[in-house]
Amino acid sequence: MHRRAMGFALLFVLYVLWNGTALAATSAPGPMPSAMDERVRACTSCHGVQGQGLNNDYFPRIAGKPAEYLFNQLTAFRDGGRTYPPMGYLVAFLPDDYLRKISQYFADLQPPYPNADQSNVAPAVLAAGQRLVMQGDPARKIPACIACHGARMTGQQPGIPGLLGLHASYIAGQMGTWRSGTRHALAPDCMRSIAVKLTDKDITAVSTWLARQPRPADPRPVPASAERLPLACGSQPQ
């Protein structure tokens, strides 16, 4: 089974690279791509031509997120902090300098956000999600999401991502991987500390509420703040 999974992942990577080349050859005439446009073609084949994400829970929006956050994710896929075989193969032999260039490329992009989720959700679920995002739960020592991700939930420089423009199932899935210990961040891993305190209902409520929020007029991450975070966080040293 292990060899079969490895073989599938390798075929997936080869398909992505071939598909990107095929798209480039058949697309209508337009501006000549830059060197970085060509280098990130394997990324944009899955995450969208400007990193805006696809209507698929495995390929989220990466555009506009802080460069340091993106760099941390790429090194995590390379070094084992996050596990997804196609990503692991793509970055397995890429040095830090190259990964930083890729990260900055996508951090500089700000394509339009997708429409917010409009599916029917019980009001009580949305209310619970809003409460955790905006206020947290002091009794359980769960900080509000906005305390780190910003009042507009667009992230904070240099290493905290925005929470908008993502599918509810993607957010829930990532919270689950933190809670189970299959996703790791730089120590101290503040998201792991939070996720283990969340119930399944909490995760559903938060992810559902976030996915329904309107897209911000200003999508840029807020500048780094001198104000201390509620928890020590390795990806946002202070």
Protein backbone atom coordinates (compact mmCIF):
# COMPACT_ATOMS: atom_id res chain seq x y z
CA MET A 1 0.00 0.00 0.00
CA HIS A 2 2.86 2.38 0.79
CA ARG A 3 4.47 1.83 -2.62
CA ARG A 4 1.11 2.24 -4.32
CA ALA A 5 0.50 5.56 -2.55
CA MET A 6 3.99 6.79 -3.42
CA GLY A 7 3.50 5.80 -7.04
CA PHE A 8 0.16 7.60 -7.20
CA ALA A 9 1.68 10.75 -5.74
CA LEU A 10 4.51 10.70 -8.29
CA LEU A 11 2.06 10.25 -11.16
CA PHE A 12 0.00 13.14 -9.81
CA VAL A 13 3.02 15.45 -9.78
CA LEU A 14 3.98 14.44 -13.32
CA TYR A 15 0.41 15.07 -14.45
CA VAL A 16 0.39 18.53 -12.89
CA LEU A 17 3.65 19.46 -14.58
CA TRP A 18 2.50 18.09 -17.95
CA ASN A 19 -0.90 19.73 -17.65
CA GLY A 20 0.66 23.12 -16.96
CA THR A 21 2.83 22.80 -20.06
CA ALA A 22 -0.14 21.76 -22.17
CA LEU A 23 -2.19 24.70 -20.97
CA ALA A 24 0.61 27.09 -21.79
CA ALA A 25 0.88 25.67 -25.31
CA THR A 26 -2.85 25.92 -26.10
CA SER A 27 -3.81 29.16 -24.39
CA ALA A 28 -4.75 32.27 -26.33
CA PRO A 29 -2.02 34.83 -27.04
CA GLY A 30 -1.38 37.18 -24.11
CA PRO A 31 1.38 38.84 -22.14
CA MET A 32 4.61 36.90 -22.05
CA PRO A 33 4.95 35.11 -18.71
CA SER A 34 7.75 36.13 -16.39
CA ALA A 35 10.42 33.72 -15.22
CA MET A 36 8.56 33.26 -11.92
CA ASP A 37 5.27 32.70 -13.77
CA GLU A 38 6.90 29.74 -15.45
CA ARG A 39 8.55 28.46 -12.29
CA VAL A 40 5.32 28.37 -10.30
CA ARG A 41 3.26 26.72 -13.04
CA ALA A 42 3.08 23.49 -11.04
CA CYS A 43 1.61 25.52 -8.16
CA THR A 44 -0.94 27.42 -10.25
CA SER A 45 -2.13 24.25 -11.97
CA CYS A 46 -3.74 23.31 -8.66
CA HIS A 47 -4.14 26.59 -6.75
CA GLY A 48 -5.34 28.71 -9.69
CA VAL A 49 -3.49 30.97 -12.11
CA GLN A 50 -3.13 33.66 -9.43
CA GLY A 51 -3.24 31.42 -6.40
CA GLN A 52 -6.90 32.23 -5.85
CA GLY A 53 -7.77 28.62 -5.04
CA LEU A 54 -10.14 26.24 -6.76
CA ASN A 55 -13.56 24.92 -5.93
CA ASN A 56 -11.83 21.98 -4.28
CA ASP A 57 -11.02 21.49 -0.63
CA TYR A 58 -7.49 20.26 -1.35
CA PHE A 59 -6.38 23.40 -3.21
CA PRO A 60 -7.04 26.48 -1.05
CA ARG A 61 -6.38 30.14 -1.75
CA ILE A 62 -2.73 31.01 -1.22
CA ALA A 63 -2.66 34.44 -2.86
CA GLY A 64 -2.14 37.43 -0.61
CA LYS A 65 -1.15 35.47 2.46
CA PRO A 66 1.95 36.68 4.32
CA ALA A 67 5.14 35.51 2.62
CA GLU A 68 6.58 34.17 5.86
CA TYR A 69 3.45 32.09 6.44
CA LEU A 70 3.65 30.62 2.93
CA PHE A 71 7.35 29.90 3.40
CA ASN A 72 6.61 28.09 6.67
CA GLN A 73 4.03 25.91 4.90
CA LEU A 74 6.36 25.01 2.05
CA THR A 75 9.16 24.03 4.43
CA ALA A 76 6.65 22.06 6.50
CA PHE A 77 5.63 20.05 3.42
CA ARG A 78 9.30 19.57 2.53
CA ASP A 79 10.46 18.62 6.02
CA GLY A 80 7.46 16.61 7.27
CA GLY A 81 5.49 19.09 9.39
CA ARG A 82 2.61 18.72 6.94
CA THR A 83 1.87 15.57 4.97
CA TYR A 84 0.40 15.59 1.47
CA PRO A 85 2.49 13.47 -0.95
CA PRO A 86 2.05 15.60 -4.13
CA MET A 87 3.20 18.72 -2.27
CA GLY A 88 6.01 16.80 -0.62
CA TYR A 89 7.34 15.64 -3.99
CA LEU A 90 7.12 19.12 -5.52
CA VAL A 91 9.23 20.78 -2.83
CA ALA A 92 11.37 17.85 -1.66
CA PHE A 93 14.65 19.17 -3.08
CA LEU A 94 13.99 22.91 -3.21
CA PRO A 95 16.28 25.09 -1.06
CA ASP A 96 15.02 27.76 1.31
CA ASP A 97 15.99 30.65 -1.00
CA TYR A 98 13.87 29.26 -3.81
CA LEU A 99 10.92 28.60 -1.51
CA ARG A 100 11.12 32.19 -0.28
CA LYS A 101 10.88 33.47 -3.85
CA ILE A 102 7.79 31.33 -4.46
CA SER A 103 6.26 32.55 -1.21
CA GLN A 104 6.83 36.21 -2.04
CA TYR A 105 5.42 35.71 -5.53
CA PHE A 106 2.06 34.55 -4.19
CA ALA A 107 2.08 36.97 -1.26
CA ASP A 108 2.18 39.85 -3.77
CA LEU A 109 -0.95 38.67 -5.60
CA GLN A 110 -4.47 39.79 -4.67
CA PRO A 111 -6.97 38.25 -7.11
CA PRO A 112 -10.69 38.58 -6.31
CA TYR A 113 -12.07 36.39 -3.57
CA PRO A 114 -14.64 33.70 -4.39
CA ASN A 115 -18.23 34.23 -3.35
CA ALA A 116 -19.04 33.45 0.25
CA ASP A 117 -20.84 30.21 1.08
CA GLN A 118 -24.62 30.62 1.01
CA SER A 119 -25.72 27.13 2.06
CA ASN A 120 -28.42 26.76 4.69
CA VAL A 121 -27.01 26.52 8.20
CA ALA A 122 -28.84 26.48 11.52
CA PRO A 123 -28.71 29.92 13.18
CA ALA A 124 -27.47 28.36 16.42
CA VAL A 125 -24.44 26.93 14.62
CA LEU A 126 -23.58 30.30 13.09
CA ALA A 127 -24.03 32.06 16.41
CA ALA A 128 -21.68 29.62 18.11
CA GLY A 129 -19.09 30.08 15.37
CA GLN A 130 -19.28 33.85 15.53
CA ARG A 131 -18.87 33.78 19.29
CA LEU A 132 -15.71 31.68 19.14
CA VAL A 133 -14.20 33.71 16.30
CA MET A 134 -14.95 37.10 17.84
CA GLN A 135 -14.81 36.37 21.57
CA GLY A 136 -13.25 32.95 22.11
CA ASP A 137 -14.17 30.97 25.19
CA PRO A 138 -12.31 32.27 28.27
CA ALA A 139 -13.64 29.45 30.45
CA ARG A 140 -11.78 26.93 28.28
CA LYS A 141 -8.83 29.28 27.65
CA ILE A 142 -9.64 29.46 23.95
CA PRO A 143 -8.67 32.88 22.53
CA ALA A 144 -10.74 34.64 19.89
CA CYS A 145 -9.58 33.93 16.33
CA ILE A 146 -9.42 37.67 15.65
CA ALA A 147 -6.91 38.12 18.47
CA CYS A 148 -4.27 36.63 16.15
CA HIS A 149 -5.76 36.69 12.65
CA GLY A 150 -6.83 40.34 12.81
CA ALA A 151 -10.15 42.10 13.24
CA ARG A 152 -10.81 41.78 9.49
CA MET A 153 -9.59 38.16 9.58
CA THR A 154 -7.17 38.88 6.74
CA GLY A 155 -4.10 37.75 8.70
CA GLN A 156 -1.18 39.55 10.28
CA GLN A 157 2.38 40.03 9.11
CA PRO A 158 4.73 38.28 9.07
CA GLY A 159 3.38 34.77 9.69
CA ILE A 160 -0.37 34.63 10.43
CA PRO A 161 -2.70 33.80 7.50
CA GLY A 162 -6.09 35.20 6.64
CA LEU A 163 -9.15 33.05 7.28
CA LEU A 164 -11.45 34.30 4.52
CA GLY A 165 -11.96 32.88 1.05
CA LEU A 166 -11.63 29.27 2.24
CA HIS A 167 -14.15 26.43 2.11
CA ALA A 168 -15.66 25.39 5.43
CA SER A 169 -14.58 21.81 4.89
CA TYR A 170 -10.98 22.91 4.27
CA ILE A 171 -10.87 24.92 7.50
CA ALA A 172 -12.46 22.07 9.43
CA GLY A 173 -10.04 19.57 7.91
CA GLN A 174 -6.99 21.60 8.89
CA MET A 175 -8.26 22.08 12.43
CA GLY A 176 -8.71 18.33 12.59
CA THR A 177 -5.14 17.66 11.49
CA TRP A 178 -3.81 20.01 14.16
CA ARG A 179 -5.96 18.35 16.78
CA SER A 180 -4.83 14.88 15.75
CA GLY A 181 -1.17 15.92 15.60
CA THR A 182 -0.68 15.22 11.87
CA ARG A 183 -0.05 18.90 11.12
CA HIS A 184 2.65 20.80 12.96
CA ALA A 185 3.88 24.38 13.01
CA LEU A 186 7.02 25.95 14.40
CA ALA A 187 7.29 25.45 18.16
CA PRO A 188 5.57 26.52 20.25
CA ASP A 189 2.69 25.32 18.08
CA CYS A 190 -0.10 27.65 19.21
CA MET A 191 -2.67 26.23 16.79
CA ARG A 192 -2.17 22.75 18.18
CA SER A 193 -2.73 24.15 21.70
CA ILE A 194 -6.02 25.67 20.58
CA ALA A 195 -7.25 22.83 18.37
CA VAL A 196 -7.03 20.19 21.12
CA LYS A 197 -9.53 22.22 23.16
CA LEU A 198 -12.11 22.36 20.37
CA THR A 199 -14.92 19.87 20.00
CA ASP A 200 -16.26 18.65 16.67
CA LYS A 201 -19.19 21.05 17.10
CA ASP A 202 -16.82 23.94 17.75
CA ILE A 203 -14.86 23.23 14.59
CA THR A 204 -18.01 22.91 12.49
CA ALA A 205 -19.38 26.17 13.88
CA VAL A 206 -16.19 28.17 13.36
CA SER A 207 -15.48 26.87 9.87
CA THR A 208 -19.07 27.33 8.74
CA TRP A 209 -19.28 30.90 10.03
CA LEU A 210 -15.94 31.90 8.48
CA ALA A 211 -16.87 30.50 5.07
CA ARG A 212 -20.00 32.68 5.00
CA GLN A 213 -18.30 35.99 5.72
CA PRO A 214 -18.27 38.73 3.07
CA ARG A 215 -15.00 39.39 1.36
CA PRO A 216 -13.06 42.35 2.79
CA ALA A 217 -12.70 45.65 0.96
CA ASP A 218 -9.02 45.60 1.95
CA PRO A 219 -7.77 41.99 1.82
CA ARG A 220 -4.18 42.72 2.86
CA PRO A 221 -2.81 41.24 6.11
CA VAL A 222 -2.48 43.83 8.85
CA PRO A 223 1.06 44.94 9.77
CA ALA A 224 2.89 43.21 12.58
CA SER A 225 1.77 44.48 15.97
CA ALA A 226 3.76 45.16 19.10
CA GLU A 227 0.81 43.83 21.10
CA ARG A 228 1.47 40.36 22.43
CA LEU A 229 -0.55 37.42 21.14
CA PRO A 230 -2.76 35.43 23.54
CA LEU A 231 -0.40 32.46 23.17
CA ALA A 232 3.28 32.11 22.34
CA CYS A 233 3.45 31.16 18.67
CA GLY A 234 6.56 29.96 16.86
CA SER A 235 5.40 31.25 13.49
CA GLN A 236 4.92 34.77 14.89
CA PRO A 237 7.85 35.38 17.25
CA GLN A 238 7.54 38.48 19.40
